[in-house]
Amino acid sequence: MSATGFSFQNKVWYIMLMKDDYFTDLVIKRYKFLRKTVLSDEYLINYIDKTVKYLGPAIDRNFDKWGYTFLIDKGLLEPAERNLKSYDAALNQLKNYITARGKWMDENIDSIKQYSHDSRNKSFNN
């Protein structure tokens, strides 16, 4: 699963929001602020760990009842390396994705300015 890219840039609602320079600047500013707090890697990883601790034995009870539905031997997820064999592997995958996504977003958040550029939005009336 790739942690890169913006996935909504071709949706009409996204185009309409992002064509406003002021709004785009606010999005970038807000992201950078939240990245220092509730979107920081440290905060998010700590939140996951606290949630796992809070759930405690409920995790095992859940899997006793429902099985390891996310631990697929049937190959339902693509790419195949997303089909994990343990709960810990799934947690590590989530944490690695969050960290990689945050790094990519930090390096690329300013590039959303391109979506408010006139050349991108000339087909839409203001």
N, C-alpha and C. Protein backbone atom coordinates (compact mmCIF):
# COMPACT_ATOMS: atom_id res chain seq x y z
N MET A 1 0.84 -1.16 0.00
CA MET A 1 0.00 0.00 0.00
C MET A 1 0.90 1.23 0.00
N SER A 2 0.69 2.06 -0.98
CA SER A 2 1.53 3.24 -1.13
C SER A 2 1.12 4.34 -0.16
N ALA A 3 2.11 4.98 0.44
CA ALA A 3 1.86 6.09 1.36
C ALA A 3 2.04 7.43 0.66
N THR A 4 2.07 7.40 -0.66
CA THR A 4 2.32 8.62 -1.42
C THR A 4 1.11 9.01 -2.25
N GLY A 5 1.08 10.26 -2.63
CA GLY A 5 0.06 10.76 -3.55
C GLY A 5 -1.12 11.42 -2.85
N PHE A 6 -1.80 12.23 -3.62
CA PHE A 6 -3.07 12.83 -3.20
C PHE A 6 -4.15 12.15 -4.02
N SER A 7 -5.16 11.63 -3.37
CA SER A 7 -6.12 10.80 -4.08
C SER A 7 -7.39 11.52 -4.51
N PHE A 8 -7.60 12.75 -4.11
CA PHE A 8 -8.85 13.42 -4.47
C PHE A 8 -8.68 14.54 -5.48
N GLN A 9 -7.48 14.75 -5.98
CA GLN A 9 -7.22 15.92 -6.81
C GLN A 9 -8.03 16.00 -8.09
N ASN A 10 -8.65 14.90 -8.52
CA ASN A 10 -9.46 14.94 -9.73
C ASN A 10 -10.96 14.91 -9.44
N LYS A 11 -11.34 15.01 -8.19
CA LYS A 11 -12.75 15.05 -7.81
C LYS A 11 -13.23 16.50 -7.89
N VAL A 12 -14.44 16.70 -8.40
CA VAL A 12 -14.95 18.05 -8.63
C VAL A 12 -14.98 18.85 -7.33
N TRP A 13 -15.43 18.26 -6.24
CA TRP A 13 -15.52 19.01 -4.99
C TRP A 13 -14.13 19.46 -4.53
N TYR A 14 -13.11 18.62 -4.76
CA TYR A 14 -11.74 18.96 -4.38
C TYR A 14 -11.24 20.10 -5.25
N ILE A 15 -11.51 20.00 -6.53
CA ILE A 15 -11.08 21.04 -7.47
C ILE A 15 -11.70 22.38 -7.08
N MET A 16 -12.99 22.34 -6.74
CA MET A 16 -13.68 23.58 -6.40
C MET A 16 -13.13 24.19 -5.11
N LEU A 17 -12.80 23.38 -4.12
CA LEU A 17 -12.22 23.90 -2.88
C LEU A 17 -10.80 24.41 -3.09
N MET A 18 -10.02 23.63 -3.78
CA MET A 18 -8.59 23.93 -3.89
C MET A 18 -8.29 25.03 -4.90
N LYS A 19 -9.25 25.45 -5.67
CA LYS A 19 -8.95 26.53 -6.62
C LYS A 19 -8.84 27.88 -5.93
N ASP A 20 -9.21 27.93 -4.67
CA ASP A 20 -9.11 29.16 -3.88
C ASP A 20 -7.76 29.18 -3.17
N ASP A 21 -6.89 30.12 -3.57
CA ASP A 21 -5.55 30.25 -2.96
C ASP A 21 -5.61 30.39 -1.45
N TYR A 22 -6.55 31.19 -0.98
CA TYR A 22 -6.66 31.43 0.46
C TYR A 22 -6.99 30.12 1.19
N PHE A 23 -7.94 29.37 0.66
CA PHE A 23 -8.31 28.09 1.27
C PHE A 23 -7.12 27.13 1.25
N THR A 24 -6.44 27.05 0.13
CA THR A 24 -5.29 26.16 0.00
C THR A 24 -4.21 26.52 1.02
N ASP A 25 -3.96 27.80 1.18
CA ASP A 25 -2.99 28.24 2.18
C ASP A 25 -3.42 27.83 3.59
N LEU A 26 -4.71 27.95 3.88
CA LEU A 26 -5.22 27.53 5.20
C LEU A 26 -5.06 26.03 5.42
N VAL A 27 -5.30 25.24 4.39
CA VAL A 27 -5.12 23.79 4.49
C VAL A 27 -3.67 23.46 4.84
N ILE A 28 -2.74 24.08 4.12
CA ILE A 28 -1.31 23.83 4.36
C ILE A 28 -0.94 24.26 5.77
N LYS A 29 -1.36 25.44 6.16
CA LYS A 29 -1.04 25.95 7.49
C LYS A 29 -1.63 25.04 8.57
N ARG A 30 -2.87 24.61 8.39
CA ARG A 30 -3.51 23.74 9.39
C ARG A 30 -2.81 22.40 9.47
N TYR A 31 -2.46 21.83 8.32
CA TYR A 31 -1.74 20.56 8.33
C TYR A 31 -0.44 20.68 9.13
N LYS A 32 0.32 21.72 8.84
CA LYS A 32 1.61 21.90 9.52
C LYS A 32 1.43 22.10 11.03
N PHE A 33 0.38 22.78 11.43
CA PHE A 33 0.10 22.95 12.85
C PHE A 33 -0.26 21.60 13.49
N LEU A 34 -1.18 20.87 12.87
CA LEU A 34 -1.62 19.59 13.43
C LEU A 34 -0.50 18.55 13.42
N ARG A 35 0.40 18.67 12.49
CA ARG A 35 1.52 17.73 12.40
C ARG A 35 2.42 17.84 13.63
N LYS A 36 2.39 18.97 14.29
CA LYS A 36 3.17 19.16 15.51
C LYS A 36 2.43 18.63 16.74
N THR A 37 1.14 18.30 16.57
CA THR A 37 0.34 17.85 17.71
C THR A 37 -0.31 16.50 17.38
N VAL A 38 -1.60 16.50 17.13
CA VAL A 38 -2.35 15.24 16.99
C VAL A 38 -2.06 14.46 15.71
N LEU A 39 -1.34 15.03 14.78
CA LEU A 39 -0.93 14.29 13.58
C LEU A 39 0.56 13.95 13.59
N SER A 40 1.23 14.20 14.70
CA SER A 40 2.65 13.85 14.77
C SER A 40 2.80 12.33 14.84
N ASP A 41 3.91 11.83 14.32
CA ASP A 41 4.16 10.38 14.39
C ASP A 41 4.11 9.90 15.83
N GLU A 42 4.77 10.64 16.72
CA GLU A 42 4.83 10.25 18.12
C GLU A 42 3.43 10.15 18.74
N TYR A 43 2.60 11.16 18.48
CA TYR A 43 1.25 11.15 19.04
C TYR A 43 0.44 9.98 18.50
N LEU A 44 0.48 9.77 17.20
CA LEU A 44 -0.33 8.71 16.58
C LEU A 44 0.12 7.32 17.01
N ILE A 45 1.43 7.08 17.05
CA ILE A 45 1.93 5.77 17.48
C ILE A 45 1.60 5.53 18.95
N ASN A 46 1.75 6.56 19.77
CA ASN A 46 1.40 6.46 21.18
C ASN A 46 -0.10 6.18 21.34
N TYR A 47 -0.93 6.83 20.54
CA TYR A 47 -2.38 6.60 20.58
C TYR A 47 -2.71 5.15 20.24
N ILE A 48 -2.07 4.62 19.23
CA ILE A 48 -2.28 3.21 18.86
C ILE A 48 -1.88 2.31 20.02
N ASP A 49 -0.70 2.54 20.58
CA ASP A 49 -0.23 1.71 21.70
C ASP A 49 -1.16 1.80 22.90
N LYS A 50 -1.63 3.00 23.22
CA LYS A 50 -2.56 3.16 24.34
C LYS A 50 -3.88 2.44 24.06
N THR A 51 -4.34 2.50 22.82
CA THR A 51 -5.59 1.83 22.46
C THR A 51 -5.45 0.32 22.58
N VAL A 52 -4.33 -0.22 22.12
CA VAL A 52 -4.07 -1.66 22.24
C VAL A 52 -4.04 -2.06 23.70
N LYS A 53 -3.38 -1.26 24.52
CA LYS A 53 -3.32 -1.55 25.96
C LYS A 53 -4.71 -1.50 26.57
N TYR A 54 -5.49 -0.49 26.21
CA TYR A 54 -6.85 -0.34 26.72
C TYR A 54 -7.71 -1.54 26.33
N LEU A 55 -7.59 -1.98 25.10
CA LEU A 55 -8.39 -3.12 24.63
C LEU A 55 -7.97 -4.42 25.31
N GLY A 56 -6.68 -4.52 25.62
CA GLY A 56 -6.16 -5.67 26.35
C GLY A 56 -6.69 -7.00 25.87
N PRO A 57 -7.27 -7.80 26.78
CA PRO A 57 -7.75 -9.13 26.42
C PRO A 57 -8.95 -9.13 25.46
N ALA A 58 -9.58 -7.97 25.28
CA ALA A 58 -10.70 -7.90 24.33
C ALA A 58 -10.23 -8.24 22.91
N ILE A 59 -8.99 -7.95 22.62
CA ILE A 59 -8.44 -8.27 21.30
C ILE A 59 -8.50 -9.77 21.07
N ASP A 60 -8.02 -10.53 22.04
CA ASP A 60 -8.05 -11.99 21.91
C ASP A 60 -9.48 -12.53 21.90
N ARG A 61 -10.34 -11.95 22.73
CA ARG A 61 -11.75 -12.40 22.73
C ARG A 61 -12.40 -12.13 21.38
N ASN A 62 -12.08 -11.01 20.79
CA ASN A 62 -12.62 -10.69 19.46
C ASN A 62 -12.22 -11.76 18.45
N PHE A 63 -10.95 -12.14 18.47
CA PHE A 63 -10.49 -13.12 17.51
C PHE A 63 -10.94 -14.54 17.85
N ASP A 64 -11.19 -14.81 19.14
CA ASP A 64 -11.80 -16.10 19.50
C ASP A 64 -13.19 -16.21 18.91
N LYS A 65 -13.91 -15.10 18.90
CA LYS A 65 -15.29 -15.09 18.39
C LYS A 65 -15.33 -15.04 16.87
N TRP A 66 -14.57 -14.16 16.26
CA TRP A 66 -14.69 -13.87 14.82
C TRP A 66 -13.54 -14.42 13.98
N GLY A 67 -12.51 -14.89 14.60
CA GLY A 67 -11.38 -15.39 13.83
C GLY A 67 -10.50 -14.26 13.34
N TYR A 68 -9.44 -14.65 12.72
CA TYR A 68 -8.47 -13.69 12.20
C TYR A 68 -8.83 -13.34 10.77
N THR A 69 -9.94 -12.61 10.63
CA THR A 69 -10.44 -12.28 9.30
C THR A 69 -9.48 -11.41 8.51
N PHE A 70 -8.64 -10.64 9.18
CA PHE A 70 -7.69 -9.81 8.45
C PHE A 70 -6.40 -10.58 8.14
N LEU A 71 -6.27 -11.74 8.72
CA LEU A 71 -5.09 -12.57 8.48
C LEU A 71 -5.44 -13.57 7.39
N ILE A 72 -5.39 -13.12 6.19
CA ILE A 72 -5.92 -13.85 5.06
C ILE A 72 -4.89 -14.79 4.45
N ASP A 73 -5.27 -16.05 4.29
CA ASP A 73 -4.46 -16.98 3.50
C ASP A 73 -5.01 -17.06 2.08
N LYS A 74 -6.16 -16.44 1.86
CA LYS A 74 -6.84 -16.51 0.56
C LYS A 74 -6.33 -15.47 -0.42
N GLY A 75 -5.46 -14.58 0.06
CA GLY A 75 -4.88 -13.58 -0.82
C GLY A 75 -5.86 -12.53 -1.28
N LEU A 76 -6.72 -12.04 -0.39
CA LEU A 76 -7.72 -11.06 -0.77
C LEU A 76 -7.17 -9.65 -0.92
N LEU A 77 -6.08 -9.36 -0.27
CA LEU A 77 -5.53 -8.01 -0.33
C LEU A 77 -4.41 -7.93 -1.35
N GLU A 78 -4.35 -6.81 -2.02
CA GLU A 78 -3.28 -6.55 -2.97
C GLU A 78 -2.52 -5.31 -2.53
N PRO A 79 -1.24 -5.28 -2.60
CA PRO A 79 -0.34 -6.37 -2.97
C PRO A 79 -0.31 -7.46 -1.89
N ALA A 80 0.20 -8.60 -2.26
CA ALA A 80 0.16 -9.79 -1.40
C ALA A 80 0.80 -9.56 -0.04
N GLU A 81 1.80 -8.69 0.06
CA GLU A 81 2.47 -8.47 1.36
C GLU A 81 1.54 -7.81 2.39
N ARG A 82 0.38 -7.33 1.95
CA ARG A 82 -0.59 -6.78 2.90
C ARG A 82 -1.35 -7.88 3.64
N ASN A 83 -1.26 -9.12 3.19
CA ASN A 83 -1.91 -10.25 3.85
C ASN A 83 -1.01 -10.74 4.97
N LEU A 84 -1.36 -10.35 6.18
CA LEU A 84 -0.48 -10.57 7.32
C LEU A 84 -0.82 -11.85 8.07
N LYS A 85 0.12 -12.27 8.91
CA LYS A 85 -0.03 -13.53 9.62
C LYS A 85 -0.24 -13.35 11.12
N SER A 86 -0.20 -12.10 11.62
CA SER A 86 -0.39 -11.91 13.05
C SER A 86 -0.93 -10.50 13.33
N TYR A 87 -1.49 -10.35 14.50
CA TYR A 87 -1.99 -9.07 14.97
C TYR A 87 -0.84 -8.07 15.09
N ASP A 88 0.28 -8.53 15.64
CA ASP A 88 1.45 -7.65 15.78
C ASP A 88 1.96 -7.18 14.42
N ALA A 89 1.92 -8.06 13.45
CA ALA A 89 2.35 -7.66 12.10
C ALA A 89 1.41 -6.59 11.54
N ALA A 90 0.12 -6.73 11.81
CA ALA A 90 -0.85 -5.73 11.35
C ALA A 90 -0.60 -4.38 12.04
N LEU A 91 -0.33 -4.41 13.33
CA LEU A 91 -0.02 -3.17 14.04
C LEU A 91 1.24 -2.52 13.49
N ASN A 92 2.27 -3.31 13.25
CA ASN A 92 3.51 -2.76 12.69
C ASN A 92 3.28 -2.18 11.31
N GLN A 93 2.47 -2.86 10.51
CA GLN A 93 2.16 -2.35 9.17
C GLN A 93 1.46 -1.00 9.28
N LEU A 94 0.49 -0.89 10.18
CA LEU A 94 -0.22 0.37 10.37
C LEU A 94 0.74 1.48 10.81
N LYS A 95 1.57 1.19 11.78
CA LYS A 95 2.52 2.19 12.28
C LYS A 95 3.51 2.61 11.19
N ASN A 96 3.99 1.65 10.43
CA ASN A 96 4.92 1.97 9.34
C ASN A 96 4.24 2.83 8.28
N TYR A 97 2.98 2.51 7.97
CA TYR A 97 2.25 3.30 6.98
C TYR A 97 2.05 4.74 7.47
N ILE A 98 1.63 4.88 8.72
CA ILE A 98 1.41 6.22 9.28
C ILE A 98 2.69 7.04 9.23
N THR A 99 3.80 6.43 9.60
CA THR A 99 5.08 7.13 9.58
C THR A 99 5.49 7.51 8.16
N ALA A 100 5.34 6.58 7.23
CA ALA A 100 5.70 6.85 5.83
C ALA A 100 4.78 7.91 5.22
N ARG A 101 3.49 7.83 5.53
CA ARG A 101 2.54 8.81 4.99
C ARG A 101 2.85 10.21 5.54
N GLY A 102 3.13 10.30 6.83
CA GLY A 102 3.47 11.58 7.42
C GLY A 102 4.71 12.18 6.80
N LYS A 103 5.71 11.35 6.58
CA LYS A 103 6.95 11.83 5.96
C LYS A 103 6.67 12.35 4.55
N TRP A 104 5.89 11.60 3.79
CA TRP A 104 5.57 12.02 2.42
C TRP A 104 4.75 13.31 2.44
N MET A 105 3.77 13.38 3.32
CA MET A 105 2.94 14.59 3.40
C MET A 105 3.79 15.80 3.79
N ASP A 106 4.70 15.62 4.75
CA ASP A 106 5.57 16.73 5.16
C ASP A 106 6.37 17.25 3.97
N GLU A 107 6.84 16.35 3.14
CA GLU A 107 7.67 16.74 1.99
C GLU A 107 6.85 17.29 0.83
N ASN A 108 5.53 17.01 0.80
CA ASN A 108 4.74 17.34 -0.38
C ASN A 108 3.53 18.22 -0.13
N ILE A 109 3.23 18.57 1.11
CA ILE A 109 2.01 19.34 1.39
C ILE A 109 1.98 20.66 0.62
N ASP A 110 3.11 21.31 0.47
CA ASP A 110 3.12 22.58 -0.25
C ASP A 110 2.77 22.42 -1.73
N SER A 111 2.89 21.23 -2.25
CA SER A 111 2.60 21.02 -3.67
C SER A 111 1.11 21.10 -3.98
N ILE A 112 0.25 21.13 -2.96
CA ILE A 112 -1.18 21.27 -3.27
C ILE A 112 -1.49 22.66 -3.83
N LYS A 113 -0.54 23.58 -3.69
CA LYS A 113 -0.72 24.91 -4.30
C LYS A 113 -0.96 24.81 -5.81
N GLN A 114 -0.43 23.75 -6.42
CA GLN A 114 -0.62 23.59 -7.86
C GLN A 114 -2.09 23.44 -8.22
N TYR A 115 -2.89 22.92 -7.28
CA TYR A 115 -4.31 22.70 -7.57
C TYR A 115 -5.12 23.99 -7.52
N SER A 116 -4.53 25.07 -7.03
CA SER A 116 -5.22 26.36 -7.03
C SER A 116 -4.69 27.28 -8.13
N HIS A 117 -3.74 26.80 -8.89
CA HIS A 117 -3.17 27.61 -9.96
C HIS A 117 -4.20 27.80 -11.07
N ASP A 118 -4.20 29.00 -11.68
CA ASP A 118 -5.16 29.32 -12.74
C ASP A 118 -5.14 28.31 -13.88
N SER A 119 -3.96 27.82 -14.24
CA SER A 119 -3.86 26.88 -15.36
C SER A 119 -4.61 25.57 -15.06
N ARG A 120 -4.73 25.24 -13.81
CA ARG A 120 -5.44 24.02 -13.39
C ARG A 120 -6.95 24.23 -13.41
N ASN A 121 -7.40 25.48 -13.21
CA ASN A 121 -8.81 25.74 -12.97
C ASN A 121 -9.49 26.58 -14.04
N LYS A 122 -8.86 26.77 -15.17
CA LYS A 122 -9.44 27.65 -16.17
C LYS A 122 -10.76 27.14 -16.74
N SER A 123 -11.04 25.84 -16.60
CA SER A 123 -12.29 25.32 -17.11
C SER A 123 -13.46 25.54 -16.14
N PHE A 124 -13.14 26.02 -14.94
CA PHE A 124 -14.18 26.28 -13.94
C PHE A 124 -14.32 27.78 -13.74
N ASN A 125 -15.55 28.24 -13.80
CA ASN A 125 -15.81 29.67 -13.58
C ASN A 125 -15.74 29.98 -12.09
N ASN A 126 -15.26 31.16 -11.76
CA ASN A 126 -15.22 31.58 -10.34
C ASN A 126 -16.56 31.96 -9.86
